Each structure stands twice: as structure tokens, then as C-alpha cells.
């Protein structure tokens, strides 16, 4: 896992919010590295899936080329997901959301306890050798409109999954 990949993704998300002041929401939970430790353990599971959005006109946009993160569920992570997505089980936020509201701080240790991969050209992703535990899968589906001075469209999607004995999860994340 490359921690800088996760940091870059959050930096891009923050950059998309430039020019607007977000409401900073204070987190009350503290990050506990011991609670997230299982992310670095190798396990027998695979978490794979596809991430896409269907536009109003019916056209499908996928996460092709964008990062997908796998983050262990902890009390700190759950609070962050409730702030960002309004839920700690699943959700969607358009690109403009971080312009309006975001957690006031991010514990840097939290950023280190995640795995990242990229969606392939068809919008598929896969995490292998995943240990038992509960995780957040976070994907981005973003596209340009082709119009000058028009911001990108799309957003971020969240799904909570559990890897357990002999399990393979297929996550189809769409909005």
C-alpha cells in the first residue's frame, strides 16, 4: 500500500474545493492504530468490484483510472464516514461536497492504515490477500463535461464490507 496515494487522493479532493470555504466538522474520536492494524496483515480474502455512476441520460461513467481505497473500520473512521457520507455503511457525495463540509482534521496515522489500487479501464478493482475484518471501500467516479470552464462532475462512493472465513465480496457501487 502506498500511503502517499491516499494522501494524493485527498489532496485532489481538497483542491476541487478551492475557492469555497468548507464548514469544518470536529471529530470526537481519536484514531487508534491498534484497532486498524489488521489492514497490514495478509489474509485469504479478495474484495473486488466495479464502481460506476449512471447519468440522467442513462450513460454509464466508471471509476476507470481513479484510485480505490480500502480502509479498516475503526471508531475514528466510522465517525469520519458519518461526517462525509452521512452514514458509516454506504453513501455518495458529489465533488462539491467537500466545498461545503469536511472533517476539521485528519490524523496522519489514519492515512497510513489504508490500501489503495486503481480501477481498470472497465471500472473494476480488486484487493487481494485481505485479512478478516470490516473495511470501507471508497471510490471516485469523475468525468469532464468537455465544456470550457466547466468543473468536473461525479463524486465519491462509500461501501462498508466484511471479509470473513472463505469470503469473496463483489461490491457494485453505484448511484
Foldseek 3Di string as FASTA:
>chain_A
DDLVLLVVVVVVLVVLLPPAAADADEDDDDDDCVQLVQLPAFAAEKEKEFEWEQDPVRDIFALAFWKKKKAADDVRVQRQCCQQAVGSAKGWDKSNSRSYYHHNDDDSSRSVRMDMDGQHPRRMDMDGRHHFHKIKIKTWGWDPPPDPPDDIITTMMIHIDTDDPPDYHYDYHYD
